[in-house]
């Protein structure tokens, strides 16, 4: 998965909608990245204006910069979404509803309080 994303980034593109629904398995159970509908060629400095991309992606997977900052890195946004995907695969729940300062679970990461973050997840009902 990471190698596919690296190849995509090395060719100058950001996916901008990495999520479990866009990761498929081939006949050998190797992950394949799919749905390039939001993909964009990124500028040389890899900086996008977030106002142009606020509605792109899926709520649980969108990086905080895309939601709260005027500029964001397409590559970093993709890596963030990969991290959320891996978290869901390991824990069986979303790490937060949205990566914003007002989200109660994300606040603990933002404020560097991982013990409370993990405590909240230990009480969560598994969604999957």
N, C-alpha and C. Protein backbone atom coordinates (compact mmCIF):
# COMPACT_ATOMS: atom_id res chain seq x y z
N UNK A 1 0.82 -1.19 0.00
CA UNK A 1 0.00 0.00 0.00
C UNK A 1 0.87 1.26 0.00
N UNK A 2 1.84 1.27 0.89
CA UNK A 2 2.73 2.44 0.99
C UNK A 2 3.57 2.56 -0.28
N UNK A 3 4.00 1.43 -0.84
CA UNK A 3 4.79 1.48 -2.08
C UNK A 3 3.97 2.05 -3.23
N UNK A 4 2.70 1.68 -3.29
CA UNK A 4 1.83 2.22 -4.35
C UNK A 4 1.68 3.72 -4.19
N UNK A 5 1.50 4.16 -2.96
CA UNK A 5 1.36 5.59 -2.69
C UNK A 5 2.67 6.32 -2.98
N UNK A 6 3.77 5.71 -2.64
CA UNK A 6 5.07 6.32 -2.93
C UNK A 6 5.26 6.50 -4.44
N UNK A 7 4.90 5.49 -5.21
CA UNK A 7 5.01 5.59 -6.67
C UNK A 7 4.10 6.69 -7.20
N UNK A 8 2.91 6.78 -6.66
CA UNK A 8 1.96 7.82 -7.08
C UNK A 8 2.53 9.20 -6.78
N UNK A 9 3.07 9.37 -5.56
CA UNK A 9 3.67 10.65 -5.17
C UNK A 9 4.92 10.96 -6.00
N UNK A 10 5.73 9.96 -6.26
CA UNK A 10 6.94 10.17 -7.06
C UNK A 10 6.64 10.63 -8.48
N UNK A 11 5.43 10.34 -8.94
CA UNK A 11 5.00 10.79 -10.26
C UNK A 11 4.25 12.12 -10.20
N UNK A 12 4.26 12.74 -9.02
CA UNK A 12 3.72 14.10 -8.89
C UNK A 12 2.23 14.21 -8.59
N UNK A 13 1.63 13.15 -8.06
CA UNK A 13 0.19 13.17 -7.79
C UNK A 13 -0.10 12.89 -6.32
N UNK A 14 -1.21 13.45 -5.85
CA UNK A 14 -1.76 13.15 -4.53
C UNK A 14 -3.12 12.49 -4.76
N UNK A 15 -3.43 11.45 -4.00
CA UNK A 15 -4.67 10.71 -4.15
C UNK A 15 -5.85 11.51 -3.56
N UNK A 16 -5.70 11.99 -2.34
CA UNK A 16 -6.65 12.85 -1.63
C UNK A 16 -7.96 12.18 -1.24
N UNK A 17 -8.04 10.85 -1.34
CA UNK A 17 -9.21 10.13 -0.83
C UNK A 17 -8.84 8.71 -0.42
N UNK A 18 -7.73 8.60 0.29
CA UNK A 18 -7.32 7.30 0.81
C UNK A 18 -8.29 6.94 1.93
N UNK A 19 -8.87 5.76 1.84
CA UNK A 19 -9.75 5.22 2.87
C UNK A 19 -9.88 3.73 2.62
N UNK A 20 -10.40 3.01 3.60
CA UNK A 20 -10.51 1.57 3.46
C UNK A 20 -11.33 1.17 2.24
N UNK A 21 -12.36 1.93 1.93
CA UNK A 21 -13.19 1.62 0.77
C UNK A 21 -12.46 1.76 -0.55
N UNK A 22 -11.31 2.44 -0.54
CA UNK A 22 -10.53 2.61 -1.77
C UNK A 22 -9.28 1.74 -1.79
N UNK A 23 -9.22 0.80 -0.88
CA UNK A 23 -8.12 -0.18 -0.87
C UNK A 23 -8.73 -1.54 -1.17
N UNK A 24 -8.38 -2.08 -2.32
CA UNK A 24 -8.91 -3.36 -2.76
C UNK A 24 -7.85 -4.44 -2.64
N UNK A 25 -8.26 -5.68 -2.62
CA UNK A 25 -7.31 -6.80 -2.58
C UNK A 25 -7.37 -7.55 -3.90
N UNK A 26 -6.18 -7.92 -4.42
CA UNK A 26 -6.17 -8.70 -5.64
C UNK A 26 -6.33 -10.19 -5.30
N UNK A 27 -6.20 -11.05 -6.28
CA UNK A 27 -6.42 -12.48 -6.06
C UNK A 27 -5.40 -13.11 -5.13
N UNK A 28 -4.29 -12.41 -4.89
CA UNK A 28 -3.26 -12.89 -3.95
C UNK A 28 -3.32 -12.13 -2.63
N UNK A 29 -4.39 -11.37 -2.42
CA UNK A 29 -4.64 -10.58 -1.22
C UNK A 29 -3.62 -9.44 -1.03
N UNK A 30 -3.07 -8.97 -2.12
CA UNK A 30 -2.21 -7.79 -2.07
C UNK A 30 -3.11 -6.56 -2.20
N UNK A 31 -2.86 -5.54 -1.39
CA UNK A 31 -3.70 -4.34 -1.48
C UNK A 31 -3.42 -3.55 -2.75
N UNK A 32 -4.48 -3.01 -3.31
CA UNK A 32 -4.40 -2.17 -4.50
C UNK A 32 -5.15 -0.89 -4.23
N UNK A 33 -4.54 0.22 -4.55
CA UNK A 33 -5.17 1.52 -4.37
C UNK A 33 -6.13 1.79 -5.52
N UNK A 34 -7.34 2.24 -5.21
CA UNK A 34 -8.36 2.46 -6.23
C UNK A 34 -8.99 3.84 -6.08
N UNK A 35 -9.87 4.17 -6.98
CA UNK A 35 -10.68 5.40 -7.01
C UNK A 35 -9.81 6.66 -6.98
N UNK A 36 -9.38 7.05 -8.14
CA UNK A 36 -8.52 8.22 -8.29
C UNK A 36 -9.31 9.46 -8.70
N UNK A 37 -10.59 9.47 -8.37
CA UNK A 37 -11.47 10.57 -8.77
C UNK A 37 -11.10 11.92 -8.18
N UNK A 38 -10.50 11.95 -7.00
CA UNK A 38 -10.09 13.21 -6.37
C UNK A 38 -8.60 13.50 -6.57
N UNK A 39 -7.88 12.60 -7.21
CA UNK A 39 -6.44 12.75 -7.38
C UNK A 39 -6.12 14.05 -8.11
N UNK A 40 -5.05 14.67 -7.69
CA UNK A 40 -4.61 15.94 -8.28
C UNK A 40 -3.10 15.89 -8.48
N UNK A 41 -2.66 16.49 -9.56
CA UNK A 41 -1.23 16.71 -9.74
C UNK A 41 -0.85 17.83 -8.80
N UNK A 42 0.18 17.60 -7.98
CA UNK A 42 0.52 18.66 -7.05
C UNK A 42 1.61 19.56 -7.58
N UNK A 43 1.59 20.82 -7.14
CA UNK A 43 2.62 21.77 -7.55
C UNK A 43 4.01 21.30 -7.09
N UNK A 44 5.05 21.89 -7.62
CA UNK A 44 6.41 21.49 -7.25
C UNK A 44 6.65 21.54 -5.75
N UNK A 45 6.05 22.50 -5.07
CA UNK A 45 6.25 22.60 -3.62
C UNK A 45 5.24 21.75 -2.84
N UNK A 46 4.36 21.01 -3.54
CA UNK A 46 3.34 20.14 -2.93
C UNK A 46 2.46 20.91 -1.96
N UNK A 47 2.09 22.12 -2.29
CA UNK A 47 1.22 22.90 -1.41
C UNK A 47 -0.07 23.22 -2.14
N UNK A 48 -1.17 22.77 -1.55
CA UNK A 48 -2.50 23.06 -2.07
C UNK A 48 -3.16 24.09 -1.16
N UNK A 49 -4.09 24.84 -1.70
CA UNK A 49 -4.90 25.75 -0.89
C UNK A 49 -6.09 24.96 -0.36
N UNK A 50 -6.24 24.89 0.97
CA UNK A 50 -7.29 24.05 1.56
C UNK A 50 -8.69 24.51 1.19
N UNK A 51 -8.86 25.80 0.92
CA UNK A 51 -10.20 26.29 0.58
C UNK A 51 -10.71 25.62 -0.70
N UNK A 52 -9.80 25.18 -1.56
CA UNK A 52 -10.21 24.51 -2.79
C UNK A 52 -10.54 23.03 -2.56
N UNK A 53 -10.14 22.47 -1.42
CA UNK A 53 -10.25 21.03 -1.21
C UNK A 53 -11.03 20.64 0.04
N UNK A 54 -11.69 21.55 0.69
CA UNK A 54 -12.38 21.23 1.95
C UNK A 54 -13.36 20.08 1.84
N UNK A 55 -14.04 19.96 0.73
CA UNK A 55 -15.06 18.92 0.62
C UNK A 55 -14.53 17.63 0.01
N UNK A 56 -13.25 17.60 -0.32
CA UNK A 56 -12.66 16.39 -0.90
C UNK A 56 -12.31 15.42 0.21
N UNK A 57 -12.59 14.16 -0.04
CA UNK A 57 -12.22 13.13 0.91
C UNK A 57 -13.39 12.69 1.77
N UNK A 58 -13.08 11.89 2.77
CA UNK A 58 -14.08 11.34 3.68
C UNK A 58 -13.76 11.83 5.08
N UNK A 59 -14.76 12.29 5.78
CA UNK A 59 -14.62 12.98 7.06
C UNK A 59 -13.59 12.38 8.01
N UNK A 60 -13.66 11.10 8.26
CA UNK A 60 -12.77 10.47 9.25
C UNK A 60 -11.31 10.44 8.82
N UNK A 61 -11.04 10.62 7.54
CA UNK A 61 -9.70 10.44 6.99
C UNK A 61 -9.01 11.76 6.63
N UNK A 62 -9.70 12.87 6.71
CA UNK A 62 -9.14 14.15 6.26
C UNK A 62 -8.18 14.70 7.32
N UNK A 63 -7.00 15.10 6.88
CA UNK A 63 -5.98 15.60 7.80
C UNK A 63 -6.40 16.96 8.38
N UNK A 64 -5.88 17.30 9.57
CA UNK A 64 -6.28 18.56 10.21
C UNK A 64 -5.92 19.80 9.38
N UNK A 65 -4.79 19.76 8.68
CA UNK A 65 -4.40 20.91 7.88
C UNK A 65 -5.42 21.21 6.80
N UNK A 66 -5.97 20.17 6.21
CA UNK A 66 -6.94 20.35 5.15
C UNK A 66 -8.22 21.01 5.67
N UNK A 67 -8.51 20.80 6.95
CA UNK A 67 -9.72 21.33 7.56
C UNK A 67 -9.53 22.69 8.23
N UNK A 68 -8.31 22.94 8.71
CA UNK A 68 -8.12 24.12 9.57
C UNK A 68 -7.09 25.12 9.08
N UNK A 69 -6.24 24.74 8.15
CA UNK A 69 -5.15 25.61 7.71
C UNK A 69 -5.41 26.10 6.29
N UNK A 70 -4.81 27.21 5.92
CA UNK A 70 -5.02 27.69 4.55
C UNK A 70 -4.30 26.86 3.49
N UNK A 71 -3.21 26.17 3.88
CA UNK A 71 -2.42 25.38 2.94
C UNK A 71 -2.17 23.99 3.52
N UNK A 72 -2.01 23.01 2.64
CA UNK A 72 -1.69 21.67 3.11
C UNK A 72 -0.89 20.93 2.05
N UNK A 73 -0.18 19.91 2.48
CA UNK A 73 0.60 19.06 1.59
C UNK A 73 -0.26 17.87 1.16
N UNK A 74 -0.35 17.65 -0.14
CA UNK A 74 -1.11 16.51 -0.64
C UNK A 74 -0.50 15.19 -0.21
N UNK A 75 0.83 15.12 -0.23
CA UNK A 75 1.50 13.90 0.20
C UNK A 75 1.24 13.63 1.68
N UNK A 76 1.34 14.66 2.51
CA UNK A 76 1.09 14.49 3.94
C UNK A 76 -0.37 14.09 4.20
N UNK A 77 -1.29 14.66 3.43
CA UNK A 77 -2.71 14.31 3.58
C UNK A 77 -2.93 12.83 3.28
N UNK A 78 -2.26 12.33 2.25
CA UNK A 78 -2.38 10.92 1.90
C UNK A 78 -1.79 10.03 3.00
N UNK A 79 -0.64 10.40 3.53
CA UNK A 79 0.00 9.61 4.58
C UNK A 79 -0.87 9.61 5.84
N UNK A 80 -1.46 10.76 6.18
CA UNK A 80 -2.37 10.84 7.32
C UNK A 80 -3.53 9.87 7.14
N UNK A 81 -4.13 9.87 5.96
CA UNK A 81 -5.27 9.00 5.69
C UNK A 81 -4.86 7.53 5.74
N UNK A 82 -3.63 7.21 5.33
CA UNK A 82 -3.13 5.84 5.46
C UNK A 82 -3.05 5.46 6.94
N UNK A 83 -2.56 6.37 7.75
CA UNK A 83 -2.48 6.11 9.19
C UNK A 83 -3.85 5.84 9.80
N UNK A 84 -4.85 6.62 9.40
CA UNK A 84 -6.21 6.40 9.88
C UNK A 84 -6.69 5.02 9.43
N UNK A 85 -6.43 4.66 8.18
CA UNK A 85 -6.83 3.35 7.66
C UNK A 85 -6.18 2.22 8.46
N UNK A 86 -4.89 2.33 8.72
CA UNK A 86 -4.19 1.30 9.48
C UNK A 86 -4.72 1.22 10.91
N UNK A 87 -5.03 2.36 11.50
CA UNK A 87 -5.60 2.40 12.85
C UNK A 87 -6.91 1.60 12.87
N UNK A 88 -7.78 1.87 11.90
CA UNK A 88 -9.07 1.18 11.85
C UNK A 88 -8.87 -0.33 11.69
N UNK A 89 -7.92 -0.73 10.86
CA UNK A 89 -7.65 -2.15 10.67
C UNK A 89 -7.17 -2.81 11.96
N UNK A 90 -6.38 -2.10 12.74
CA UNK A 90 -5.82 -2.66 13.97
C UNK A 90 -6.79 -2.61 15.15
N UNK A 91 -7.53 -1.51 15.28
CA UNK A 91 -8.36 -1.28 16.46
C UNK A 91 -9.82 -1.65 16.22
N UNK A 92 -10.28 -1.52 14.98
CA UNK A 92 -11.67 -1.82 14.67
C UNK A 92 -12.61 -0.66 14.90
N UNK A 93 -12.06 0.54 15.00
CA UNK A 93 -12.87 1.74 15.21
C UNK A 93 -12.11 2.93 14.62
N UNK A 94 -12.83 3.99 14.33
CA UNK A 94 -12.19 5.21 13.86
C UNK A 94 -11.42 5.85 15.02
N UNK A 95 -10.27 6.45 14.75
CA UNK A 95 -9.53 7.10 15.84
C UNK A 95 -10.24 8.35 16.37
N UNK A 96 -11.03 9.00 15.51
CA UNK A 96 -11.78 10.21 15.87
C UNK A 96 -12.84 10.42 14.80
N UNK A 97 -13.77 11.33 15.07
CA UNK A 97 -14.78 11.64 14.06
C UNK A 97 -14.21 12.53 12.97
N UNK A 98 -13.46 13.52 13.36
CA UNK A 98 -12.76 14.39 12.41
C UNK A 98 -11.55 14.97 13.12
N UNK A 99 -10.49 15.19 12.37
CA UNK A 99 -9.24 15.69 12.96
C UNK A 99 -9.31 17.20 13.14
N UNK A 100 -10.18 17.61 14.04
CA UNK A 100 -10.34 19.03 14.35
C UNK A 100 -10.17 19.24 15.85
N UNK A 101 -9.84 20.43 16.24
CA UNK A 101 -9.62 20.73 17.65
C UNK A 101 -10.88 20.58 18.50
N UNK A 102 -12.05 20.55 17.87
CA UNK A 102 -13.29 20.41 18.63
C UNK A 102 -13.71 18.95 18.81
N UNK A 103 -13.08 18.02 18.10
CA UNK A 103 -13.40 16.60 18.24
C UNK A 103 -12.79 16.09 19.55
N UNK A 104 -13.61 15.48 20.41
CA UNK A 104 -13.12 15.10 21.75
C UNK A 104 -12.01 14.05 21.71
N UNK A 105 -12.06 13.11 20.78
CA UNK A 105 -10.99 12.11 20.71
C UNK A 105 -9.73 12.71 20.09
N UNK A 106 -9.88 13.52 19.06
CA UNK A 106 -8.71 14.13 18.41
C UNK A 106 -8.02 15.13 19.34
N UNK A 107 -8.78 15.79 20.20
CA UNK A 107 -8.19 16.76 21.13
C UNK A 107 -7.06 16.14 21.93
N UNK A 108 -7.22 14.89 22.32
CA UNK A 108 -6.19 14.23 23.12
C UNK A 108 -4.91 14.02 22.34
N UNK A 109 -5.01 13.80 21.06
CA UNK A 109 -3.80 13.71 20.24
C UNK A 109 -3.20 15.09 20.05
N UNK A 110 -4.08 16.06 19.76
CA UNK A 110 -3.63 17.43 19.52
C UNK A 110 -2.94 18.00 20.76
N UNK A 111 -3.47 17.70 21.92
CA UNK A 111 -2.90 18.21 23.18
C UNK A 111 -1.83 17.28 23.74
N UNK A 112 -1.44 16.28 22.96
CA UNK A 112 -0.40 15.32 23.34
C UNK A 112 -0.72 14.61 24.65
N UNK A 113 -1.95 14.07 24.69
CA UNK A 113 -2.40 13.32 25.86
C UNK A 113 -2.81 11.91 25.41
N UNK A 114 -1.83 11.08 25.01
CA UNK A 114 -2.16 9.78 24.43
C UNK A 114 -2.84 8.82 25.40
N UNK A 115 -2.57 8.93 26.68
CA UNK A 115 -3.19 8.00 27.63
C UNK A 115 -4.71 8.16 27.64
N UNK A 116 -5.18 9.38 27.61
CA UNK A 116 -6.63 9.62 27.57
C UNK A 116 -7.19 9.16 26.22
N UNK A 117 -6.45 9.42 25.14
CA UNK A 117 -6.88 8.97 23.81
C UNK A 117 -7.11 7.46 23.82
N UNK A 118 -6.15 6.69 24.32
CA UNK A 118 -6.28 5.24 24.32
C UNK A 118 -7.34 4.77 25.30
N UNK A 119 -7.51 5.47 26.40
CA UNK A 119 -8.56 5.12 27.37
C UNK A 119 -9.93 5.25 26.72
N UNK A 120 -10.14 6.30 25.95
CA UNK A 120 -11.42 6.49 25.26
C UNK A 120 -11.66 5.36 24.26
N UNK A 121 -10.61 4.86 23.65
CA UNK A 121 -10.77 3.78 22.68
C UNK A 121 -10.96 2.43 23.37
N UNK A 122 -10.53 2.29 24.57
CA UNK A 122 -10.72 1.01 25.27
C UNK A 122 -12.19 0.81 25.62
N UNK A 123 -12.96 1.88 25.71
CA UNK A 123 -14.39 1.78 26.04
C UNK A 123 -15.26 1.79 24.79
N UNK A 124 -14.68 2.02 23.64
CA UNK A 124 -15.47 2.13 22.40
C UNK A 124 -16.03 0.79 21.98
N UNK A 125 -17.24 0.79 21.47
CA UNK A 125 -17.82 -0.42 20.88
C UNK A 125 -17.21 -0.59 19.50
N UNK A 126 -16.88 -1.80 19.18
CA UNK A 126 -16.31 -2.07 17.87
C UNK A 126 -17.38 -1.89 16.81
N UNK A 127 -17.07 -1.13 15.76
CA UNK A 127 -18.03 -0.86 14.69
C UNK A 127 -17.95 -1.88 13.57
N UNK A 128 -16.87 -2.63 13.52
CA UNK A 128 -16.66 -3.52 12.38
C UNK A 128 -16.67 -4.96 12.84
